[in-house]
Protein backbone atom coordinates (compact mmCIF):
# COMPACT_ATOMS: atom_id res chain seq x y z
CA MET A 1 -19.94 25.77 22.80
CA SER A 2 -16.00 26.41 22.10
CA LEU A 3 -13.12 23.30 23.12
CA LEU A 4 -9.79 23.56 24.13
CA ILE A 5 -7.23 21.20 23.17
CA LYS A 6 -4.76 21.74 25.90
CA GLY A 7 -1.08 20.50 25.55
CA GLY A 8 -0.72 18.21 23.07
CA ARG A 9 2.00 17.14 20.33
CA VAL A 10 0.39 18.58 16.96
CA ILE A 11 1.31 16.86 13.72
CA ASP A 12 0.31 18.34 10.57
CA PRO A 13 2.03 17.24 7.85
CA ALA A 14 0.31 19.79 5.27
CA THR A 15 2.46 22.39 7.06
CA ASN A 16 5.23 19.89 8.08
CA THR A 17 4.69 20.88 12.26
CA ASP A 18 5.23 18.57 14.67
CA GLU A 19 4.64 20.43 18.08
CA ILE A 20 3.19 21.12 21.38
CA MET A 21 1.19 23.60 21.46
CA ASP A 22 -2.97 24.27 22.86
CA ILE A 23 -5.56 24.53 20.13
CA LEU A 24 -9.15 26.53 20.46
CA LEU A 25 -12.07 25.56 18.73
CA GLU A 26 -15.19 27.31 18.29
CA LYS A 27 -18.49 27.05 15.85
CA GLY A 28 -17.14 24.14 14.21
CA GLU A 29 -13.75 25.55 13.51
CA ILE A 30 -10.58 26.24 14.44
CA LYS A 31 -10.31 29.40 16.18
CA LYS A 32 -6.87 29.88 17.68
CA ILE A 33 -3.52 28.08 17.34
CA SER A 34 -1.31 29.14 20.12
CA LYS A 35 1.02 28.00 23.15
CA ASN A 36 -0.68 28.65 26.80
CA ILE A 37 -4.30 29.49 25.87
CA ASP A 38 -6.58 29.87 28.80
CA SER A 39 -9.33 27.11 29.59
CA CYS A 40 -12.66 27.70 27.82
CA GLU A 41 -16.14 25.94 28.72
CA GLU A 42 -14.61 22.29 27.72
CA THR A 43 -10.84 21.33 27.84
CA LEU A 44 -9.27 17.79 26.64
CA ASN A 45 -6.25 17.41 28.21
CA ALA A 46 -3.83 16.01 25.48
CA SER A 47 -0.42 16.00 27.35
CA GLY A 48 1.94 13.49 26.17
CA LYS A 49 -0.77 12.81 23.78
CA ILE A 50 -1.02 13.13 19.14
CA VAL A 51 -3.01 15.85 17.73
CA SER A 52 -3.87 14.86 13.95
CA PRO A 53 -5.86 16.36 11.22
CA GLY A 54 -8.91 13.70 11.77
CA LEU A 55 -7.94 11.18 9.14
CA ILE A 56 -9.56 10.43 5.39
CA ASP A 57 -10.52 6.90 3.91
CA MET A 58 -10.77 7.43 0.43
CA HIS A 59 -12.34 3.72 -0.02
CA THR A 60 -14.80 2.57 2.52
CA HIS A 61 -17.57 0.23 1.51
CA LEU A 62 -20.49 1.47 3.92
CA ARG A 63 -23.40 -1.23 2.43
CA GLU A 64 -26.40 1.03 2.39
CA PRO A 65 -28.18 0.41 0.80
CA GLY A 66 -28.82 -2.62 0.13
CA ARG A 67 -27.30 -4.51 2.65
CA GLU A 68 -27.20 -2.95 5.82
CA ASP A 69 -27.61 -6.65 7.46
CA GLU A 70 -23.70 -5.78 6.94
CA GLU A 71 -23.77 -1.99 7.56
CA THR A 72 -25.04 1.03 7.50
CA ILE A 73 -23.94 5.16 7.37
CA GLN A 74 -24.68 4.83 11.05
CA SER A 75 -22.46 2.38 12.46
CA GLY A 76 -20.44 2.55 9.30
CA THR A 77 -19.46 6.12 10.89
CA TYR A 78 -19.24 5.20 14.49
CA ALA A 79 -17.22 2.69 13.46
CA ALA A 80 -14.80 5.18 11.46
CA ALA A 81 -14.59 8.00 14.54
CA ARG A 82 -13.70 5.26 16.80
CA GLY A 83 -10.65 4.61 14.07
CA GLY A 84 -10.32 8.03 13.90
CA PHE A 85 -11.48 9.10 10.80
CA THR A 86 -13.66 12.01 10.34
CA THR A 87 -14.34 11.57 6.79
CA ILE A 88 -14.51 8.65 4.51
CA CYS A 89 -15.34 8.16 1.03
CA CYS A 90 -17.99 5.31 0.34
CA MET A 91 -18.00 3.19 -2.69
CA PRO A 92 -20.57 3.01 -5.27
CA ASN A 93 -20.71 -1.35 -4.90
CA THR A 94 -24.86 -1.05 -3.09
CA THR A 95 -27.97 -1.87 -3.92
CA PRO A 96 -28.70 0.34 -6.18
CA THR A 97 -25.46 1.26 -6.97
CA ILE A 98 -24.64 4.37 -6.85
CA ASP A 99 -24.99 5.31 -10.72
CA ASN A 100 -27.34 8.30 -10.59
CA PRO A 101 -27.83 12.01 -8.54
CA SER A 102 -30.98 10.39 -6.38
CA VAL A 103 -28.54 8.05 -4.96
CA VAL A 104 -25.93 10.26 -3.86
CA LYS A 105 -28.78 12.38 -2.31
CA PHE A 106 -29.65 9.82 -0.30
CA ILE A 107 -26.62 8.98 1.06
CA TYR A 108 -26.06 12.81 1.82
CA GLU A 109 -29.43 12.57 3.56
CA LYS A 110 -28.52 10.11 5.24
CA ALA A 111 -25.34 10.55 6.42
CA ARG A 112 -26.43 14.19 7.80
CA LYS A 113 -29.04 12.54 9.77
CA GLU A 114 -28.20 9.67 11.29
CA GLY A 115 -23.66 9.66 11.01
CA ILE A 116 -21.59 11.01 13.03
CA ILE A 117 -18.94 11.82 10.73
CA GLU A 118 -18.50 13.11 6.99
CA VAL A 119 -19.59 10.80 4.15
CA LEU A 120 -18.93 11.71 0.93
CA PRO A 121 -20.15 9.48 -1.91
CA ILE A 122 -18.27 8.42 -4.46
CA GLY A 123 -19.94 7.48 -8.21
CA ALA A 124 -19.86 4.17 -10.40
CA ILE A 125 -17.83 4.84 -13.69
CA SER A 126 -20.75 3.18 -15.70
CA LYS A 127 -24.12 2.13 -15.25
CA GLU A 128 -24.65 -0.55 -12.57
CA ARG A 129 -20.92 -1.11 -13.11
CA LYS A 130 -21.25 -3.31 -15.69
CA GLY A 131 -18.91 -1.63 -17.85
CA GLU A 132 -21.18 -1.36 -20.70
CA GLU A 133 -22.38 2.48 -20.62
CA LEU A 134 -21.53 5.47 -18.76
CA SER A 135 -23.13 6.33 -15.40
CA GLU A 136 -24.97 9.70 -15.14
CA MET A 137 -21.43 10.94 -14.36
CA GLY A 138 -22.46 15.19 -15.12
CA ARG A 139 -25.38 14.52 -12.93
CA MET A 140 -23.46 12.84 -10.07
CA TRP A 141 -20.57 15.14 -9.93
CA LYS A 142 -23.18 18.40 -9.57
CA ALA A 143 -25.22 16.35 -7.00
CA GLY A 144 -21.55 16.08 -5.16
CA VAL A 145 -19.40 12.96 -5.53
CA VAL A 146 -16.40 13.44 -5.00
CA ALA A 147 -14.67 10.73 -7.50
CA PHE A 148 -15.56 7.52 -9.57
CA SER A 149 -15.20 3.87 -9.24
CA ASP A 150 -16.52 0.62 -10.40
CA ASP A 151 -15.16 -0.29 -7.72
CA GLY A 152 -15.00 -4.28 -7.42
CA ASN A 153 -15.42 -4.57 -11.21
CA TRP A 154 -12.33 -3.09 -13.54
CA VAL A 155 -13.49 -1.39 -16.46
CA GLU A 156 -12.87 -4.22 -19.04
CA ASN A 157 -14.20 -2.17 -22.00
CA THR A 158 -10.94 0.04 -23.38
CA TYR A 159 -13.25 2.34 -25.50
CA LEU A 160 -15.98 3.21 -22.37
CA MET A 161 -12.84 3.49 -20.12
CA ARG A 162 -10.81 5.90 -22.46
CA ARG A 163 -14.14 8.12 -22.80
CA ALA A 164 -14.74 8.60 -19.02
CA LEU A 165 -11.03 9.49 -18.78
CA GLU A 166 -11.57 11.81 -20.73
CA TYR A 167 -15.63 12.98 -19.57
CA VAL A 168 -13.88 13.29 -16.21
CA LYS A 169 -11.26 16.53 -17.07
CA MET A 170 -15.10 18.40 -17.18
CA PHE A 171 -14.78 17.74 -13.36
CA ASN A 172 -11.43 17.91 -12.84
CA LEU A 173 -12.52 14.66 -10.50
CA PRO A 174 -10.21 11.72 -9.80
CA LEU A 175 -11.13 8.30 -11.28
CA ILE A 176 -10.03 5.44 -9.26
CA SER A 177 -9.42 2.27 -10.79
CA HIS A 178 -10.09 -1.39 -9.71
CA CYS A 179 -7.38 -3.22 -11.73
CA GLU A 180 -8.14 -6.46 -12.07
CA ASP A 181 -8.41 -8.57 -15.45
CA LYS A 182 -11.13 -11.19 -14.01
CA THR A 183 -9.91 -13.57 -17.44
CA LEU A 184 -6.81 -13.70 -15.72
CA SER A 185 -8.38 -13.85 -12.00
CA GLN A 186 -11.63 -15.79 -12.48
CA ASP A 187 -12.73 -18.36 -9.83
CA GLY A 188 -9.32 -17.65 -7.63
CA VAL A 189 -9.17 -16.94 -3.87
CA MET A 190 -6.00 -16.55 -3.08
CA ASN A 191 -2.44 -15.32 -4.67
CA GLU A 192 -1.14 -17.73 -7.56
CA GLY A 193 2.40 -19.74 -6.23
CA TYR A 194 3.65 -22.42 -3.89
CA PHE A 195 0.35 -21.53 -1.10
CA SER A 196 -2.08 -21.94 -3.67
CA THR A 197 -0.58 -24.66 -4.92
CA ILE A 198 -0.09 -27.08 -1.50
CA LEU A 199 -3.23 -25.80 -0.56
CA GLY A 200 -4.76 -26.66 -3.28
CA LEU A 201 -6.53 -23.72 -3.68
CA LYS A 202 -7.39 -21.45 -7.29
CA GLY A 203 -4.84 -18.73 -7.78
CA ILE A 204 -5.15 -15.31 -8.85
CA PRO A 205 -1.83 -14.26 -10.55
CA ARG A 206 -0.12 -10.78 -9.64
CA GLU A 207 -0.41 -10.29 -13.77
CA ALA A 208 -4.15 -9.73 -13.28
CA GLU A 209 -3.61 -6.54 -11.71
CA GLU A 210 -0.40 -5.73 -13.66
CA VAL A 211 -2.19 -5.58 -16.77
CA ALA A 212 -5.22 -4.33 -15.70
CA ILE A 213 -2.83 -1.15 -13.98
CA PHE A 214 -0.47 -1.46 -17.17
CA ARG A 215 -3.64 -0.25 -19.77
CA ASP A 216 -4.86 1.94 -17.37
CA ILE A 217 -1.97 4.38 -16.96
CA THR A 218 -1.59 4.17 -20.90
CA LEU A 219 -5.01 5.63 -21.18
CA SER A 220 -4.46 8.34 -18.66
CA LYS A 221 -1.11 9.24 -20.95
CA MET A 222 -3.11 9.10 -23.47
CA THR A 223 -6.36 11.51 -22.21
CA GLY A 224 -4.30 13.51 -19.55
CA SER A 225 -6.46 12.61 -17.61
CA PRO A 226 -5.15 11.90 -13.19
CA LEU A 227 -5.86 8.52 -12.62
CA HIS A 228 -5.96 6.79 -9.22
CA VAL A 229 -5.16 2.80 -8.55
CA ALA A 230 -6.68 1.21 -5.76
CA HIS A 231 -5.60 -1.01 -3.23
CA LEU A 232 -2.36 -2.17 -4.98
CA SER A 233 -0.80 -5.64 -4.00
CA SER A 234 2.23 -6.84 -5.80
CA ALA A 235 5.85 -5.57 -6.46
CA GLY A 236 5.43 -5.44 -10.33
CA SER A 237 1.96 -2.78 -9.60
CA VAL A 238 4.58 -0.70 -8.06
CA LYS A 239 7.00 -0.35 -10.35
CA LEU A 240 5.01 0.46 -12.76
CA ILE A 241 3.41 3.47 -10.72
CA GLU A 242 6.70 4.33 -10.26
CA GLN A 243 7.17 4.36 -13.91
CA ALA A 244 4.47 6.29 -15.05
CA LYS A 245 4.99 8.71 -12.03
CA LYS A 246 8.95 8.89 -13.61
CA SER A 247 6.89 9.99 -17.00
CA GLY A 248 5.26 13.02 -16.32
CA ILE A 249 1.93 10.65 -15.83
CA LYS A 250 -1.09 11.91 -13.45
CA VAL A 251 -1.00 8.90 -11.44
CA SER A 252 -1.28 7.75 -7.49
CA ALA A 253 -2.32 5.05 -5.81
CA GLU A 254 -3.05 3.55 -2.58
CA VAL A 255 -2.30 0.87 -0.47
CA THR A 256 -3.81 -1.31 2.80
CA PRO A 257 -3.04 -1.82 6.29
CA HIS A 258 -4.04 -5.46 5.28
CA HIS A 259 -1.19 -5.68 2.23
CA PHE A 260 1.50 -4.55 4.22
CA THR A 261 0.78 -6.68 7.03
CA LEU A 262 -0.18 -9.82 6.04
CA THR A 263 1.00 -12.14 3.40
CA GLU A 264 -0.61 -15.63 1.82
CA LYS A 265 0.80 -17.83 4.76
CA GLU A 266 -2.01 -16.46 6.36
CA VAL A 267 -3.71 -18.33 4.19
CA THR A 268 -2.73 -21.59 5.59
CA SER A 269 -5.03 -21.33 8.88
CA PHE A 270 -8.21 -21.60 6.13
CA ASN A 271 -9.51 -18.63 7.93
CA PRO A 272 -12.20 -17.02 6.06
CA ASN A 273 -11.06 -13.33 7.31
CA THR A 274 -7.85 -13.93 5.03
CA ARG A 275 -9.34 -14.05 1.84
CA VAL A 276 -9.46 -10.61 0.08
CA ASN A 277 -9.01 -9.15 -3.40
CA PRO A 278 -6.34 -8.49 -4.04
CA PRO A 279 -5.60 -10.95 -2.73
CA LEU A 280 -2.70 -11.00 0.28
CA ARG A 281 0.99 -11.87 -1.54
CA GLY A 282 4.40 -13.11 -1.17
CA GLU A 283 7.34 -11.29 1.20
CA LYS A 284 8.91 -9.36 -1.26
CA ASP A 285 5.15 -8.23 -2.79
CA LEU A 286 5.22 -6.83 1.06
CA ILE A 287 8.50 -5.56 1.02
CA ALA A 288 7.89 -3.38 -1.77
CA LEU A 289 4.99 -2.18 -0.70
CA LYS A 290 6.84 -0.60 2.21
CA GLU A 291 9.38 0.80 -0.26
CA GLY A 292 6.60 2.26 -2.34
CA LEU A 293 5.06 4.24 0.66
CA LYS A 294 8.45 4.96 1.85
CA ASN A 295 9.66 6.18 -2.04
CA GLU A 296 6.56 8.39 -2.17
CA ILE A 297 5.17 6.14 -4.81
CA ILE A 298 2.37 5.29 -3.10
CA GLU A 299 0.75 8.62 -1.34
CA VAL A 300 -2.54 6.95 0.28
CA ILE A 301 -3.25 4.55 2.75
CA ALA A 302 -6.91 3.26 2.27
CA THR A 303 -8.99 0.51 4.23
CA ASP A 304 -10.89 -1.15 1.85
CA HIS A 305 -13.24 -1.35 4.70
CA ALA A 306 -15.68 -4.33 3.21
CA PRO A 307 -17.91 -5.50 5.97
CA HIS A 308 -19.63 -9.14 5.48
CA SER A 309 -21.90 -10.45 7.58
CA GLN A 310 -20.93 -13.51 10.06
CA GLU A 311 -23.13 -16.69 8.27
CA GLU A 312 -20.81 -15.36 4.81
CA LYS A 313 -17.64 -15.32 6.27
CA GLU A 314 -18.12 -18.14 8.39
CA SER A 315 -18.46 -20.70 5.27
CA ASP A 316 -15.77 -22.81 3.43
CA TYR A 317 -12.53 -20.63 2.20
CA VAL A 318 -14.17 -20.91 -1.14
CA SER A 319 -17.25 -19.88 -0.98
CA ALA A 320 -16.65 -17.15 1.24
CA PRO A 321 -17.13 -13.23 -0.08
CA PHE A 322 -13.99 -11.38 -0.30
CA GLY A 323 -13.37 -8.61 2.19
CA ILE A 324 -12.37 -7.20 5.74
CA ILE A 325 -12.99 -4.74 8.33
CA GLY A 326 -10.40 -1.83 8.83
CA LEU A 327 -12.00 1.42 10.06
CA GLU A 328 -11.00 0.86 13.78
CA THR A 329 -7.74 -1.31 13.31
CA ALA A 330 -6.17 1.20 10.49
CA LEU A 331 -4.55 3.56 12.22
CA SER A 332 -2.95 1.13 15.04
CA LEU A 333 -1.46 -1.20 12.28
CA VAL A 334 -0.05 2.14 10.55
CA ILE A 335 1.95 2.16 13.74
CA LYS A 336 2.73 -1.13 14.25
CA GLU A 337 3.74 -2.10 10.84
CA LEU A 338 5.40 1.72 9.38
CA VAL A 339 5.75 3.67 12.20
CA GLU A 340 7.47 1.43 14.61
CA LYS A 341 9.60 -0.56 12.19
CA LYS A 342 10.83 3.07 10.80
CA VAL A 343 9.32 2.69 7.40
CA LEU A 344 7.96 6.03 7.65
CA SER A 345 8.44 8.76 10.41
CA LEU A 346 4.97 9.46 12.15
CA ILE A 347 4.19 12.80 10.38
CA GLN A 348 5.01 10.67 7.01
CA ALA A 349 2.58 7.65 8.08
CA LEU A 350 -0.15 10.97 8.70
CA SER A 351 0.12 12.48 5.70
CA LYS A 352 -1.05 9.36 3.77
CA LEU A 353 -4.08 9.23 5.89
CA THR A 354 -4.66 13.09 5.80
CA ILE A 355 -3.45 15.66 3.89
CA ASN A 356 -2.56 13.10 0.59
CA PRO A 357 -6.00 11.20 0.54
CA ALA A 358 -7.54 15.38 0.50
CA ARG A 359 -5.44 16.39 -2.43
CA ILE A 360 -5.95 13.71 -4.81
CA LEU A 361 -9.75 14.35 -3.85
CA LYS A 362 -9.48 17.93 -3.86
CA ILE A 363 -11.38 18.23 -0.86
CA ASP A 364 -10.17 21.36 1.64
CA ARG A 365 -9.87 19.02 4.50
CA GLY A 366 -6.72 17.20 5.96
CA ARG A 367 -5.16 20.52 7.66
CA ILE A 368 -4.74 21.99 11.31
CA LYS A 369 -4.73 25.97 10.23
CA GLU A 370 -6.81 28.87 11.65
CA GLY A 371 -10.77 28.99 9.56
CA ALA A 372 -10.10 25.39 9.06
CA LYS A 373 -12.93 22.77 9.68
CA ALA A 374 -12.12 21.96 13.53
CA ASN A 375 -11.47 17.74 12.28
CA LEU A 376 -9.25 16.50 14.97
CA VAL A 377 -8.39 13.05 15.85
CA ILE A 378 -6.34 12.68 19.60
CA PHE A 379 -4.54 8.92 20.26
CA ASP A 380 -1.93 8.18 22.23
CA LEU A 381 1.00 6.40 20.77
CA ASN A 382 2.06 4.49 24.07
CA LYS A 383 -1.34 2.99 24.50
CA ASN A 384 -1.73 -0.43 23.54
CA TRP A 385 -4.81 -2.29 23.10
CA VAL A 386 -6.53 -5.86 22.20
CA VAL A 387 -8.76 -6.55 19.32
CA ARG A 388 -11.70 -8.03 20.74
CA LYS A 389 -14.93 -8.82 17.79
CA GLU A 390 -17.00 -7.48 21.00
CA ASP A 391 -15.27 -4.16 21.02
CA PHE A 392 -15.99 -3.62 16.65
CA LEU A 393 -18.83 -0.51 16.39
CA SER A 394 -19.41 -1.84 12.87
CA LYS A 395 -21.84 -4.40 12.81
CA SER A 396 -19.51 -6.88 11.01
CA LYS A 397 -16.96 -8.31 12.72
CA ASN A 398 -15.39 -10.05 9.79
CA SER A 399 -11.31 -9.37 10.67
CA PRO A 400 -8.11 -11.26 10.89
CA PHE A 401 -6.42 -9.05 13.66
CA ILE A 402 -8.88 -10.03 16.21
CA GLY A 403 -6.63 -10.84 19.11
CA TRP A 404 -3.81 -8.89 18.07
CA THR A 405 -2.44 -5.91 20.32
CA LEU A 406 -2.19 -3.14 18.76
CA PRO A 407 -0.40 0.00 19.63
CA GLY A 408 -1.94 3.65 19.54
CA VAL A 409 -5.32 4.44 21.27
CA VAL A 410 -7.83 6.94 19.60
CA GLU A 411 -8.84 8.85 22.85
CA TRP A 412 -10.91 11.37 20.87
CA THR A 413 -12.54 12.19 17.78
CA ILE A 414 -13.51 15.55 16.94
CA PHE A 415 -15.74 16.90 13.74
CA GLU A 416 -16.75 20.13 13.12
CA GLY A 417 -15.96 20.90 16.77
CA ARG A 418 -17.72 18.18 18.57
CA ILE A 419 -16.66 15.04 20.48
CA VAL A 420 -18.13 12.11 18.42
CA TYR A 421 -15.83 9.33 19.85
CA ARG A 422 -14.23 9.76 23.46
CA ASN A 423 -12.64 6.23 24.65
CA THR A 424 -14.39 5.51 27.45
CA LYS A 425 -11.74 2.55 28.30
């Protein structure tokens, strides 16, 4: 069936397009982009709304296989579609770990049968993410992984990390590092500083992240391999990435919406949904992260969607696991914190959710062009919505933003020419 998107404000950061146009979709592809295209079998009136490439999240935890009580590939893709995402990359900290081709094939098959958007697996750097022995990287590359990461763990063995960086050069895939020296962060639950002291909670110093980033940048320079640093949280980390870029090192970085929206002050509520890793930092760190986005030091906004069961998250602050869900609130937080506050223009913000992650992952996504896959999101900048626990499509509800009123409502998400999410409210 053909589908016509009529009269929307088409924003495509890949071509710097920002214009009122019609888009005709046929057979899962963008057939024509023009003005005043005649009506077809089905027409969506996008007048007054934004039409963007479908969003890409290069940092999602889907929990399947292993913790289907927290999230599944099916529920995770539903949540992603509601948030405007058409491509998500799932991290390998599953049970079993995504460290061999059979698990990679399982992810693809599950997503094909039960998912409603695209799921791309990220393979582990080391077997079982233990940092002791390289995983079957070559075989996983052939099976279709789009990157490698031990996310949740930093590869502490410097020799192994060097070999991993050298090895991925053969596949031309990025290596994503969770930079955290656990000898410094061990048993910490929040940012180390004034608030951790008055709350009596063990802190995680910024240096736990920064020391690890420095080492990995040094290895990236040594090997000439591209390095992508996950979830930056500190001003010092932004500075390290900036200096590395100026030195010509092939490094890129991402930041999450919760790290540029919330600070360590939120922990005073003892709400376990403010417990994330890396932890929420100080006001100066938040400002530095926004400046890093503005100055193109940080190219990507990723959700680090980390679902957890209600029982686990409702325990005391020290016992609760790290992580919050983020797929359904990410776009609205970007609009609220970055676009409305004039840190970024709308087209700049969307670039960090579309073409930039696509370029780092080397996938042909994140564009609105004739012949491209018809992966699109249509959202209304002028509508607000209230974040309600009962409205989440994710199986888990662990969000610190419940009760917030946020701008930007996703009206339709389109994957390969099919409407996979429609705002019925």
